[in-house]
Each structure stands twice: as structure tokens, then as C-alpha cells.
Protein backbone atom coordinates (compact mmCIF):
# COMPACT_ATOMS: atom_id res chain seq x y z
CA MET A 1 124.20 324.42 157.66
CA THR A 2 124.03 328.21 157.35
CA GLN A 3 126.13 330.87 155.73
CA ILE A 4 128.64 332.54 158.04
CA ALA A 5 127.58 336.03 159.06
CA PRO A 6 130.10 338.61 157.77
CA SER A 7 130.51 339.96 161.31
CA GLN A 8 131.77 336.54 162.48
CA ALA A 9 133.87 335.46 159.50
CA GLU A 10 137.18 336.66 160.95
CA VAL A 11 136.46 335.16 164.38
CA ILE A 12 135.53 331.77 162.92
CA SER A 13 138.64 331.78 160.72
CA PHE A 14 140.78 332.60 163.77
CA LEU A 15 139.25 329.82 165.88
CA ARG A 16 139.73 327.28 163.10
CA GLN A 17 143.40 328.22 162.84
CA TYR A 18 143.75 328.20 166.62
CA ILE A 19 142.48 324.64 167.11
CA ALA A 20 144.39 323.36 164.05
CA ARG A 21 147.65 323.84 165.98
CA ALA A 22 146.67 320.89 168.18
CA ASP A 23 147.11 317.22 167.32
CA ASP A 24 143.51 316.46 168.29
CA TYR A 25 141.01 318.97 166.99
CA ALA A 26 137.59 319.07 165.33
CA GLU A 27 134.68 321.38 164.61
CA ILE A 28 130.98 320.72 165.18
CA GLU A 29 128.25 322.90 163.73
CA THR A 30 124.72 322.94 165.13
CA HIS A 31 121.70 324.96 164.05
CA ILE A 32 122.69 327.89 166.29
CA SER A 33 126.35 327.35 167.27
CA HIS A 34 129.89 326.57 166.13
CA ILE A 35 131.85 324.35 168.54
CA PHE A 36 135.63 324.18 168.18
CA LEU A 37 137.32 321.18 169.85
CA LYS A 38 140.99 321.28 170.82
CA ASP A 39 142.63 318.60 172.94
CA ASP A 40 140.65 318.51 176.21
CA VAL A 41 138.67 321.76 175.80
CA ALA A 42 135.88 323.08 173.60
CA PHE A 43 134.98 326.64 172.58
CA LYS A 44 131.35 327.37 171.79
CA LEU A 45 130.50 330.35 169.58
CA LYS A 46 126.88 331.39 169.16
CA LYS A 47 125.91 332.18 165.57
CA ALA A 48 124.80 335.72 164.75
CA LEU A 49 121.23 334.63 164.04
CA CYS A 50 117.73 335.84 164.76
CA PHE A 51 114.68 333.55 164.86
CA ASP A 52 111.23 333.86 166.38
CA PHE A 53 112.48 332.05 169.48
CA LEU A 54 115.99 333.55 169.88
CA ASP A 55 118.07 336.57 168.95
CA PHE A 56 121.88 336.27 168.85
CA SER A 57 122.23 338.90 166.13
CA THR A 58 124.19 341.48 168.16
CA LEU A 59 127.50 341.25 169.99
CA ALA A 60 125.83 342.38 173.22
CA ALA A 61 123.19 339.65 172.90
CA ARG A 62 125.82 336.96 172.35
CA GLN A 63 127.76 338.12 175.40
CA HIS A 64 124.58 338.10 177.49
CA TYR A 65 123.50 334.64 176.40
CA CYS A 66 126.99 333.17 176.75
CA GLN A 67 127.04 334.33 180.35
CA ARG A 68 123.49 333.11 180.90
CA GLU A 69 124.25 329.69 179.43
CA PHE A 70 127.34 329.42 181.64
CA THR A 71 125.39 330.40 184.77
CA LEU A 72 122.36 328.18 184.19
CA ASN A 73 124.44 325.12 183.38
CA GLN A 74 126.31 325.43 186.66
CA ARG A 75 123.20 323.82 188.16
CA THR A 76 123.78 320.46 186.48
CA ALA A 77 127.17 320.56 184.72
CA PRO A 78 129.67 322.72 186.65
CA ALA A 79 132.55 320.41 185.66
CA LEU A 80 131.85 320.99 181.95
CA TYR A 81 131.38 324.77 181.87
CA LEU A 82 134.69 326.49 182.61
CA ASP A 83 134.47 330.16 181.61
CA VAL A 84 133.04 332.86 179.34
CA LEU A 85 135.77 334.58 177.34
CA PRO A 86 135.97 337.39 174.77
CA ILE A 87 137.67 337.08 171.42
CA THR A 88 139.66 340.32 171.42
CA ARG A 89 141.74 342.27 168.95
CA ASN A 90 145.29 343.03 170.03
CA PRO A 91 145.74 346.78 169.54
CA VAL A 92 149.43 346.32 168.74
CA THR A 93 149.42 343.36 166.33
CA ASN A 94 145.82 343.82 165.17
CA GLY A 95 145.43 340.04 165.46
CA LEU A 96 142.76 338.16 167.38
CA CYS A 97 143.24 336.22 170.60
CA ILE A 98 141.19 334.45 173.25
CA GLY A 99 140.89 336.67 176.30
CA GLY A 100 143.17 339.68 176.30
CA GLN A 101 142.53 343.34 177.00
CA GLY A 102 141.56 344.62 173.56
CA PRO A 103 138.04 345.29 172.32
CA ALA A 104 135.77 342.23 172.18
CA MET A 105 135.02 341.00 168.67
CA ASP A 106 132.82 338.15 169.93
CA TRP A 107 132.25 335.89 172.93
CA ILE A 108 132.75 332.18 173.52
CA ILE A 109 132.03 329.65 176.23
CA LYS A 110 135.01 327.54 177.26
CA MET A 111 133.99 323.99 178.10
CA ARG A 112 135.54 320.70 179.05
CA ARG A 113 135.70 318.44 176.01
CA PHE A 114 134.19 314.96 176.31
CA ASP A 115 134.02 311.85 174.16
CA GLN A 116 130.95 312.08 171.89
CA GLN A 117 130.46 308.34 172.33
CA ASN A 118 129.58 309.06 175.96
CA LEU A 119 126.48 311.00 174.99
CA LEU A 120 123.45 309.03 176.16
CA SER A 121 122.03 309.27 172.63
CA HIS A 122 125.03 307.31 171.31
CA MET A 123 124.77 304.85 174.18
CA ALA A 124 121.07 304.36 173.47
CA GLU A 125 121.74 303.78 169.79
CA SER A 126 124.51 301.26 170.53
CA ARG A 127 122.41 299.55 173.23
CA SER A 128 125.05 300.22 175.89
CA LEU A 129 122.76 302.33 178.10
CA ASP A 130 122.18 300.15 181.16
CA LEU A 131 119.39 300.36 183.72
CA THR A 132 121.73 301.21 186.59
CA LEU A 133 122.67 304.41 184.79
CA ILE A 134 118.98 305.23 184.33
CA CYS A 135 118.49 305.00 188.11
CA THR A 136 121.33 307.46 188.63
CA LEU A 137 119.96 309.76 185.92
CA ALA A 138 116.54 309.70 187.59
CA ASP A 139 118.12 310.70 190.91
CA HIS A 140 119.92 313.62 189.23
CA ILE A 141 116.72 314.87 187.57
CA ILE A 142 114.77 314.50 190.83
CA SER A 143 117.35 316.55 192.73
CA PHE A 144 117.45 319.17 189.97
CA HIS A 145 113.67 319.56 189.85
CA ASN A 146 113.42 319.68 193.64
CA SER A 147 115.77 322.67 193.77
CA ALA A 148 114.67 324.48 190.59
CA GLU A 149 113.14 327.93 191.03
CA ALA A 150 109.35 328.15 190.70
CA LYS A 151 108.11 330.27 187.78
CA PRO A 152 104.32 330.54 188.19
CA ASP A 153 103.89 333.11 185.39
CA PHE A 154 104.97 330.62 182.72
CA GLY A 155 103.81 327.26 181.38
CA ASN A 156 100.26 328.35 180.59
CA PRO A 157 97.96 326.64 178.05
CA GLU A 158 98.50 329.46 175.56
CA TYR A 159 102.19 328.60 175.37
CA TYR A 160 101.47 324.95 174.56
CA ALA A 161 98.91 326.04 171.94
CA SER A 162 101.58 328.12 170.22
CA VAL A 163 103.94 325.13 170.19
CA ILE A 164 101.26 322.94 168.59
CA ASN A 165 100.67 325.56 165.89
CA SER A 166 104.41 325.79 165.22
CA ILE A 167 104.63 322.02 164.85
CA GLY A 168 101.84 322.02 162.29
CA ASP A 169 103.19 324.99 160.33
CA ASN A 170 106.76 323.68 160.14
CA LEU A 171 105.80 320.12 159.24
CA ARG A 172 103.62 321.46 156.43
CA ALA A 173 106.58 323.48 155.17
CA ALA A 174 108.69 320.31 154.86
CA PRO A 175 108.06 319.05 151.31
CA ASP A 176 107.17 315.45 150.47
CA ILE A 177 107.64 313.99 153.94
CA LEU A 178 104.23 313.87 155.66
CA HIS A 179 100.76 314.02 154.17
CA GLU A 180 98.49 316.89 155.18
CA ASN A 181 96.00 314.43 156.69
CA ASP A 182 98.70 313.00 158.96
CA ILE A 183 99.85 316.44 160.11
CA SER A 184 96.28 317.60 160.74
CA ALA A 185 95.50 314.43 162.70
CA LEU A 186 98.40 315.09 165.07
CA VAL A 187 97.56 318.78 165.51
CA ARG A 188 93.90 317.97 166.23
CA ARG A 189 94.82 315.30 168.77
CA LEU A 190 97.29 317.56 170.58
CA LYS A 191 94.78 320.41 170.70
CA SER A 192 92.12 318.05 172.04
CA LEU A 193 94.40 316.88 174.87
CA LEU A 194 95.35 320.47 175.65
CA SER A 195 91.69 321.44 175.84
CA GLN A 196 90.97 318.56 178.24
CA HIS A 197 93.76 319.51 180.63
CA GLN A 198 93.84 323.32 180.66
CA ASP A 199 92.65 323.56 184.26
CA LEU A 200 95.27 321.08 185.49
CA ILE A 201 98.01 322.93 183.59
CA ARG A 202 97.07 326.20 185.31
CA HIS A 203 96.67 324.49 188.68
CA ARG A 204 100.18 323.09 188.52
CA ALA A 205 101.66 326.48 187.64
CA ASP A 206 99.83 328.02 190.60
CA HIS A 207 101.21 325.32 192.92
CA GLY A 208 104.90 325.59 192.09
CA LEU A 209 105.27 322.83 189.51
CA VAL A 210 106.31 325.15 186.69
CA ARG A 211 110.00 325.79 187.33
CA GLN A 212 113.16 326.97 185.64
CA CYS A 213 114.01 323.59 184.16
CA HIS A 214 116.52 322.32 181.64
CA GLY A 215 114.11 322.75 178.75
CA ASP A 216 115.89 320.49 176.25
CA LEU A 217 116.47 317.29 178.20
CA HIS A 218 116.83 314.77 175.38
CA LEU A 219 119.55 312.12 175.42
CA ALA A 220 121.98 314.05 173.20
CA ASN A 221 122.12 316.70 175.94
CA ILE A 222 123.16 314.24 178.65
CA VAL A 223 126.70 312.88 178.80
CA LEU A 224 128.32 310.21 180.94
CA TYR A 225 131.16 312.16 182.55
CA ASN A 226 133.35 310.80 185.35
CA GLY A 227 130.89 307.95 185.75
CA GLN A 228 127.85 310.20 186.21
CA PRO A 229 125.06 311.21 183.78
CA VAL A 230 125.42 314.98 183.36
CA PRO A 231 122.69 317.08 181.69
CA PHE A 232 124.18 320.06 179.86
CA ASP A 233 123.24 322.66 177.22
CA CYS A 234 120.04 323.77 178.93
CA ILE A 235 117.87 326.45 177.34
CA GLU A 236 119.21 329.94 178.04
CA PHE A 237 117.70 331.94 175.20
CA SER A 238 113.96 331.60 175.93
CA GLU A 239 112.09 332.04 179.20
CA ASP A 240 109.06 330.28 177.69
CA ILE A 241 111.01 327.17 176.68
CA ALA A 242 112.99 326.93 179.93
CA ASN A 243 110.28 327.79 182.48
CA ILE A 244 108.04 324.78 182.16
CA ASP A 245 106.19 322.09 184.07
CA VAL A 246 108.67 319.66 185.60
CA LEU A 247 106.87 316.75 183.93
CA TYR A 248 107.20 318.48 180.56
CA ASP A 249 110.95 318.58 181.23
CA LEU A 250 111.02 314.87 182.14
CA ALA A 251 108.82 314.05 179.14
CA PHE A 252 111.64 314.86 176.71
CA THR A 253 113.91 312.20 178.23
CA LEU A 254 111.10 309.66 178.39
CA MET A 255 110.09 310.31 174.79
CA ASP A 256 113.67 310.01 173.58
CA LEU A 257 114.09 306.65 175.31
CA LEU A 258 110.95 305.49 173.51
CA HIS A 259 112.35 306.82 170.23
CA TYR A 260 115.31 304.47 170.73
CA ASP A 261 112.90 301.64 171.63
CA LEU A 262 114.15 301.48 175.22
CA ARG A 263 110.79 301.03 176.94
CA PRO A 264 112.18 299.28 180.05
CA HIS A 265 114.49 302.25 180.56
CA ALA A 266 111.63 304.71 180.16
CA ASN A 267 109.47 302.78 182.62
CA LEU A 268 112.26 302.66 185.19
CA LEU A 269 112.95 306.39 184.83
CA LEU A 270 109.26 307.24 185.14
CA ASN A 271 108.67 305.07 188.20
CA ARG A 272 111.80 306.08 190.07
CA TYR A 273 110.94 309.74 189.48
CA MET A 274 107.32 309.27 190.57
CA GLU A 275 108.28 307.22 193.59
CA ALA A 276 110.47 310.07 194.83
CA ARG A 277 108.22 313.03 193.98
CA ARG A 278 104.73 311.45 194.23
CA ASP A 279 103.50 313.61 191.36
CA TYR A 280 100.84 311.08 190.40
CA GLN A 281 98.10 313.63 189.73
CA GLY A 282 100.32 315.14 187.04
CA LEU A 283 100.37 311.85 185.13
CA ALA A 284 97.21 313.00 183.35
CA LEU A 285 99.43 315.44 181.42
CA LEU A 286 102.30 313.08 180.64
CA PRO A 287 100.91 311.52 177.42
CA PHE A 288 100.25 315.03 176.08
CA PHE A 289 103.69 316.24 177.15
CA MET A 290 105.50 313.25 175.60
CA ALA A 291 103.50 313.53 172.37
CA LEU A 292 104.28 317.24 172.19
CA ARG A 293 107.98 316.50 172.68
CA ALA A 294 107.89 313.96 169.84
CA GLY A 295 106.15 316.52 167.64
CA ILE A 296 108.83 319.08 168.49
CA ARG A 297 111.59 316.65 167.50
CA ALA A 298 109.83 316.04 164.18
CA MET A 299 109.58 319.80 163.69
CA VAL A 300 113.20 320.56 164.65
CA THR A 301 114.46 317.79 162.37
CA ALA A 302 112.38 319.20 159.52
CA ILE A 303 113.69 322.74 160.10
CA ALA A 304 117.31 321.55 160.23
CA ALA A 305 116.86 319.48 157.07
CA GLY A 306 115.37 322.32 155.05
CA GLU A 307 114.49 321.50 151.47
CA ALA A 308 117.30 318.96 151.11
CA ALA A 309 116.24 316.39 153.71
CA THR A 310 118.20 313.14 153.60
CA ALA A 311 116.52 309.76 153.66
CA SER A 312 117.59 309.38 157.28
CA GLN A 313 116.10 312.75 158.26
CA LYS A 314 112.83 311.93 156.52
CA GLN A 315 112.70 308.62 158.37
CA ASP A 316 113.29 310.38 161.70
CA ILE A 317 110.54 312.93 160.99
CA ARG A 318 108.05 310.18 160.15
CA HIS A 319 109.08 308.15 163.19
CA TYR A 320 108.68 311.08 165.59
CA HIS A 321 105.31 311.92 164.03
CA ALA A 322 104.10 308.32 164.43
CA LEU A 323 105.40 308.21 168.00
CA ALA A 324 103.57 311.45 168.83
CA LEU A 325 100.27 310.03 167.57
CA HIS A 326 100.89 306.77 169.45
CA LEU A 327 101.53 308.61 172.72
CA CYS A 328 98.29 310.57 172.46
CA THR A 329 96.14 307.51 173.22
CA LEU A 330 95.93 305.50 176.44
CA PRO A 331 93.91 302.31 177.06
CA THR A 332 91.45 302.04 179.95
CA ALA A 333 93.27 302.12 183.27
CA GLN A 334 93.23 299.12 185.58
CA MET A 335 94.68 298.08 188.93
CA VAL A 336 96.85 295.01 189.37
CA ALA A 337 98.11 293.93 192.79
CA ILE A 338 100.97 291.46 193.19
CA GLY A 339 101.45 289.82 196.58
CA GLY A 340 103.44 287.05 198.18
CA LEU A 341 106.28 286.50 200.60
CA SER A 342 109.63 288.24 200.26
CA ALA A 343 111.75 287.08 197.29
CA SER A 344 108.82 285.35 195.59
CA GLY A 345 109.34 287.39 192.39
CA LYS A 346 106.78 290.17 192.80
CA SER A 347 108.95 293.03 191.59
CA THR A 348 110.22 291.00 188.64
CA VAL A 349 106.67 290.33 187.46
CA ALA A 350 105.67 293.95 188.08
CA GLN A 351 108.47 295.22 185.84
CA GLN A 352 107.57 292.72 183.13
CA ILE A 353 103.84 293.36 182.95
CA ALA A 354 104.22 297.15 183.31
CA LEU A 355 105.20 297.22 179.64
CA ASP A 356 102.39 294.83 178.65
CA LEU A 357 99.58 296.75 180.32
CA MET A 358 100.26 300.20 178.88
CA PRO A 359 101.92 301.58 175.75
CA GLY A 360 104.71 304.15 175.78
CA SER A 361 106.56 304.36 179.07
CA GLY A 362 104.36 301.70 180.65
CA ALA A 363 102.33 301.37 183.84
CA ILE A 364 102.97 302.88 187.25
CA ILE A 365 104.54 300.49 189.77
CA LEU A 366 103.91 301.29 193.44
CA ARG A 367 106.42 299.33 195.51
CA SER A 368 105.93 299.04 199.25
CA ASP A 369 109.73 298.91 199.60
CA GLY A 370 110.17 302.15 197.65
CA ILE A 371 107.40 303.94 199.55
CA ARG A 372 108.97 302.92 202.85
CA LYS A 373 112.39 304.26 201.81
CA ARG A 374 110.83 307.56 200.78
CA LEU A 375 109.12 307.87 204.17
CA PHE A 376 112.59 307.89 205.70
CA ASN A 377 114.06 310.17 203.00
CA GLN A 378 116.36 307.45 201.74
CA ARG A 379 117.25 306.18 198.27
CA PRO A 380 115.63 302.83 197.38
CA GLU A 381 118.96 300.99 197.72
CA THR A 382 119.61 302.23 201.29
CA THR A 383 119.06 299.67 204.06
CA LEU A 384 116.68 300.84 206.78
CA PRO A 385 116.86 299.92 210.47
CA PRO A 386 114.46 297.29 211.87
CA ASP A 387 112.24 299.98 213.45
CA ALA A 388 111.29 301.11 209.94
CA TYR A 389 109.40 297.83 209.57
CA ASN A 390 107.16 297.99 212.62
CA ARG A 391 103.42 297.59 212.28
CA ASN A 392 102.60 301.30 212.43
CA VAL A 393 105.07 302.17 209.67
CA SER A 394 103.77 299.32 207.52
CA ARG A 395 100.19 300.55 207.91
CA LYS A 396 101.30 303.98 206.75
CA VAL A 397 103.18 302.49 203.77
CA TYR A 398 100.12 300.64 202.51
CA ALA A 399 97.86 303.66 203.14
CA ILE A 400 100.18 305.75 200.96
CA MET A 401 100.14 303.01 198.33
CA GLN A 402 96.35 303.18 198.18
CA ASP A 403 96.33 306.99 197.97
CA ASP A 404 98.93 307.04 195.21
CA ALA A 405 97.13 304.27 193.33
CA GLU A 406 93.92 306.27 193.38
CA ALA A 407 95.69 309.41 192.12
CA ALA A 408 97.40 307.55 189.27
CA LEU A 409 94.20 305.74 188.29
CA HIS A 410 92.31 309.04 188.23
CA ALA A 411 95.05 310.35 185.92
CA GLY A 412 94.33 307.50 183.49
CA TYR A 413 97.32 305.29 184.27
CA THR A 414 97.29 301.58 185.00
CA VAL A 415 98.74 300.87 188.44
CA ILE A 416 100.61 297.82 189.74
CA CYS A 417 100.72 297.55 193.55
CA ASP A 418 103.81 295.54 194.48
CA GLY A 419 104.01 294.40 198.11
CA THR A 420 103.64 291.39 200.36
CA HIS A 421 99.95 292.23 200.93
CA LEU A 422 99.85 289.79 203.85
CA SER A 423 96.77 291.44 205.39
CA PRO A 424 93.43 290.06 204.11
CA ALA A 425 91.77 293.40 204.91
CA GLY A 426 94.44 295.27 202.96
CA ARG A 427 93.93 293.03 199.93
CA GLU A 428 90.20 293.65 200.06
CA ASP A 429 90.74 297.41 200.35
CA LEU A 430 92.70 297.46 197.09
CA ALA A 431 89.97 295.62 195.23
CA GLN A 432 87.35 297.99 196.65
CA LYS A 433 89.43 301.00 195.58
CA ALA A 434 89.37 299.86 191.95
CA MET A 435 85.69 298.96 192.17
CA ALA A 436 84.84 302.44 193.49
CA LEU A 437 86.46 303.89 190.37
CA SER A 438 84.65 301.37 188.12
CA LEU A 439 88.00 300.04 186.93
CA PRO A 440 89.16 296.43 186.47
CA PHE A 441 91.11 294.78 189.30
CA THR A 442 93.35 291.72 189.17
CA GLY A 443 95.11 290.22 192.19
CA LEU A 444 98.13 287.97 191.62
CA TRP A 445 99.68 285.93 194.44
CA ILE A 446 103.10 284.37 193.91
CA GLU A 447 104.03 281.27 195.89
CA ALA A 448 107.44 279.60 196.08
CA THR A 449 108.99 277.00 198.36
CA PRO A 450 110.66 278.27 201.54
CA ASP A 451 114.04 276.94 200.38
CA ASN A 452 113.81 278.87 197.10
CA LEU A 453 112.86 282.04 198.97
CA ARG A 454 115.76 281.64 201.39
CA ASN A 455 118.23 281.06 198.57
CA ARG A 456 117.09 284.18 196.69
CA ILE A 457 117.40 286.38 199.77
CA LYS A 458 120.94 285.13 200.36
CA HIS A 459 121.98 286.20 196.85
CA ARG A 460 120.26 289.60 196.66
CA LYS A 461 122.35 292.69 195.82
CA ASN A 462 121.43 296.38 195.37
CA ASP A 463 117.76 295.67 195.97
CA ALA A 464 115.12 297.98 197.41
CA SER A 465 113.93 295.17 199.66
CA ASP A 466 115.60 294.91 203.06
CA ALA A 467 114.03 291.53 203.78
CA THR A 468 116.40 289.23 205.64
CA LEU A 469 116.13 285.54 206.41
CA ASP A 470 114.69 286.46 209.83
CA VAL A 471 112.01 288.57 208.14
CA LEU A 472 111.15 285.68 205.83
CA GLU A 473 110.88 283.23 208.73
CA ARG A 474 108.39 285.54 210.47
CA GLN A 475 106.37 285.82 207.25
CA LEU A 476 106.29 282.04 206.89
CA LYS A 477 104.70 281.76 210.33
CA GLN A 478 102.13 284.51 209.68
CA ASP A 479 98.56 283.63 208.77
CA SER A 480 97.74 285.55 205.59
CA GLY A 481 94.16 284.30 205.51
CA PRO A 482 92.43 282.82 202.48
CA ILE A 483 94.05 283.86 199.19
CA LYS A 484 91.37 284.81 196.67
CA TRP A 485 93.84 286.17 194.11
CA THR A 486 95.16 284.11 191.20
CA ILE A 487 98.09 282.01 192.44
CA LEU A 488 101.26 281.91 190.32
CA ASP A 489 104.07 279.38 190.67
CA GLY A 490 107.09 281.41 191.78
CA ASN A 491 109.41 278.41 191.60
CA ARG A 492 109.49 278.69 187.82
CA ASP A 493 111.90 280.83 185.79
CA ARG A 494 111.28 284.50 184.97
CA GLN A 495 109.87 283.82 181.52
CA SER A 496 107.41 281.25 182.81
CA LEU A 497 106.32 283.51 185.66
CA HIS A 498 105.75 286.35 183.20
CA GLN A 499 103.62 284.10 181.01
CA GLN A 500 101.57 282.94 184.00
CA ALA A 501 100.85 286.57 184.88
CA LEU A 502 99.81 287.41 181.31
CA THR A 503 97.49 284.41 181.22
CA ALA A 504 95.87 285.47 184.48
CA LEU A 505 95.42 289.04 183.26
CA SER A 506 93.91 287.98 179.95
CA SER A 507 91.41 285.60 181.58
CA ARG A 508 89.93 287.97 184.16
């Protein structure tokens, strides 16, 4: 990729000889690092480079940033980052060694080696990235963002403006890949979105939502290790790139899932994250953040390719550019409510139509079951005690659903309210909420035979719903009042139920 700096030539030669003694060794070169793999460990050497956004040109700088990378990655990947070590010169033999007491010639990070096939980028490409893993990844990101240190002096509109300018400049410098009109269209659209949301960007920084994040949370920086998704290789060399809005951090993962055409995965990640953090007001920024991330990937690919871009690199640049433009535009928001007794198929339909109603990562799904679990500080799969389902708690759950729906709709997102909605007054309140915002409303009511409902409840596993057969029997006896919503036949298969919902939505 780059010529070896004379100051590092001896160190690189030594490390190559050192790993070659093993039966299983390899070397990986990135834009800014050499990584030497030997058996079950890896040694990462930062290149002696200086760019606008980083400076590893001196020995002292490389020592500093090795230590900083090690420290910051302890937050998410302590099992992978083992030590920071000097490459020293033995004063007796004059040879180099790892560690030792002689003068440091350079610095390396010692890491645990992992199978490259376990990178989530490889899993996404091979279609082996399952939805259960996405749930776990969401929980890890939620926990990380909850504990990350607030950085209110960063993440301002001026920073994003500089990123947009860099995208435009670097894409223009890449020969024969994108037309000037296409580049200008993306830059204009990004600047327009930034102009619309400057006040919200500043507001979020002032209220603790700009934090010391990962900064580079795409799928190639997340590995499945010991059965868990582990983000690693966070940004250590730039305060501006690392100290960002939490949704800008999440946006990289969402955008990358879309790049691999894994929209159901992106929708699940988005909704599980939002359900836990209730950051629905911030959704107004998410299309801009995801588009900016796609533009950055186009730019980084162009920089790495240089003047000798391969056909594959050119294709990636064009794809990221097209994705960025696509993410800049949202259709008119709407509210959809899906009701019915437990196990009628509400959540299944919600997940299906979420991808039909909005492009990109899809619509927001507000689940009464998920809201209830959050009220009790529990994961969606945790079973709650019966007291969590009393009338007062249920009123609070549906009040929160309405508040969150309003916030998401204001942010420009379509919302799907998934719950039993057994109260006629509650159903009317949802319709009035959409009407007050001058937005379309569609109510869908799913009916199935009692025997089908009972059978589904008996066979449920790892579901957010805690509904038991006793709960269902009480629902069957309850008077839900006249149903004015469109009734769907929940006895049919998933595909048929999905088609019924689409027909109802298209005919409103």
C-alpha cells in the first residue's frame, strides 16, 4: 500500500522474521498499520505516517497512540488487547527483540489473534449473520453508549461540515469513478440536511449525547469472539472522530448492514437500540448520519485505491455513493397500529411491514411488550412477574407508547404501534395523535381462532411477550368494543398475513 518508512524498515524486517518461525503466520497491511500474525497472537505496528487526521510520524507519537488504543479498547474488547510492548535493541548482541531493557526502536500492541472469518463483515457477506447475534450486538452497543463519557465540546455542526467537504474533495480526486454532477448532488444534499438540523446537533451535545464513542463501528471492526460480538479497533488518533453523537456511532453499523443488503438486521438493531434508550427525538438526524457514513466509506475506499482502483473498488465507491444519496431522502411519515389478542401475529406483521413503509433501516416499531420490559429495567426476553401486568402498569405502557410515537413522527419516521390495543379509548387516542400531526393513520386488527392462539402460545420461545394461556383466556372474555380498524385473518400463514397488511395499507 505504502512505502516502508526508513525508520521502520529494520523493525518490520525483524517482525517478519519473528513470525516466520511459527507454523501459522501471516501479515496484514492496512492504510495506517502493519499487523503480524503468529499462532494465537497478533502484533500491531503503527506506520510512521502523517495525515491531516493523524500523526504517527515520531516514535513518541506511536508509543502514545499504542497506549491510547490499548486503553480505549479495554472498554469493549479487553480479551483481545493484551499489552503494549517496545521493540528494543539488545545492547550486547545489537539485535532486536520484543520487550527487553534496551532502547525502544518502536512500539507494538500485542493482541489476541482471531479467525478473520468471524468478522461480522465476512459473516454479512456470506449471509451467516443471524438476527439473534444482532440482538446481542445491540445490547453491547447500548451498554457501551450508556457508560461512555460525555464530551460536550465536540460533535458540532462545523465538524460535520468539514467531513462533507472532505468527502467531496476526495471523491473528485478519484479519477474516472464518479461524475462531478453525482458528487455535487451528494455534497449539496448532505449540506442541506446539516443546515436543517444544526440546532438539534448542538442541543444533543449540550445534553450529554455526544460521547467518547467507538468512532469506526462498521462490521469489519466487530468480531464474533467466544460467542459474543466484540467491537474493537476504536478511534484513538482523533478526538473529533471519536467524540461524536451516539447515533452517529450507531449509524456506521446500520449503514454497513444496508451496504450488505441486510435490511431486516438493520431494522432490528435500530429498534432494539431505540427501545432501550428512547432516543426517538434524535431520529431526525439518523438519515443524515447514515448518509454521511456511506459517503465516508466511499471516500476512504477512494483514498485507499489511489490512482490504481480495481474494478471491485470502483464498484464499492459507486455503491456507497448511491446508498448515501438514497439515505438522504425519507417519505412522508405515517402511523400504523396493529392490535389483536396475544399470539395473533402482531409482531410478525410489524417486522414485515417496517421494511415496506420506509427505505433504509425501516420504520420504528413500538412494542408494548418491549416498553413494559424497559420500565422494569429488563431485557426484552426476560419474563416479568404478574404484577408487571396490572392495569396501572399497562396504562403507563400505552402512555409511553403514545409519547414515543409522537417523538418519532416529529422526527420524520413512520411508526408502528404493536400491542393488544384492547381499549377502545386507547385505539381512538392513537388515531387522534396522528390526526393532530396531520399524518396518515392506519389501524390493523388481527383475528385468529382461540385454538390457534393457544397453540402458538404453547410453542413460543425467546419471545418478548410473557402472555400465558391464562392471560389469553382473560383476553378472550374481555369486551374490546367495536373494532373500526381493518381486520386481518390471523389464521393464515405469514406470507398471506403480510399481503393482507400491504393491501390494507395501500387502500387507505
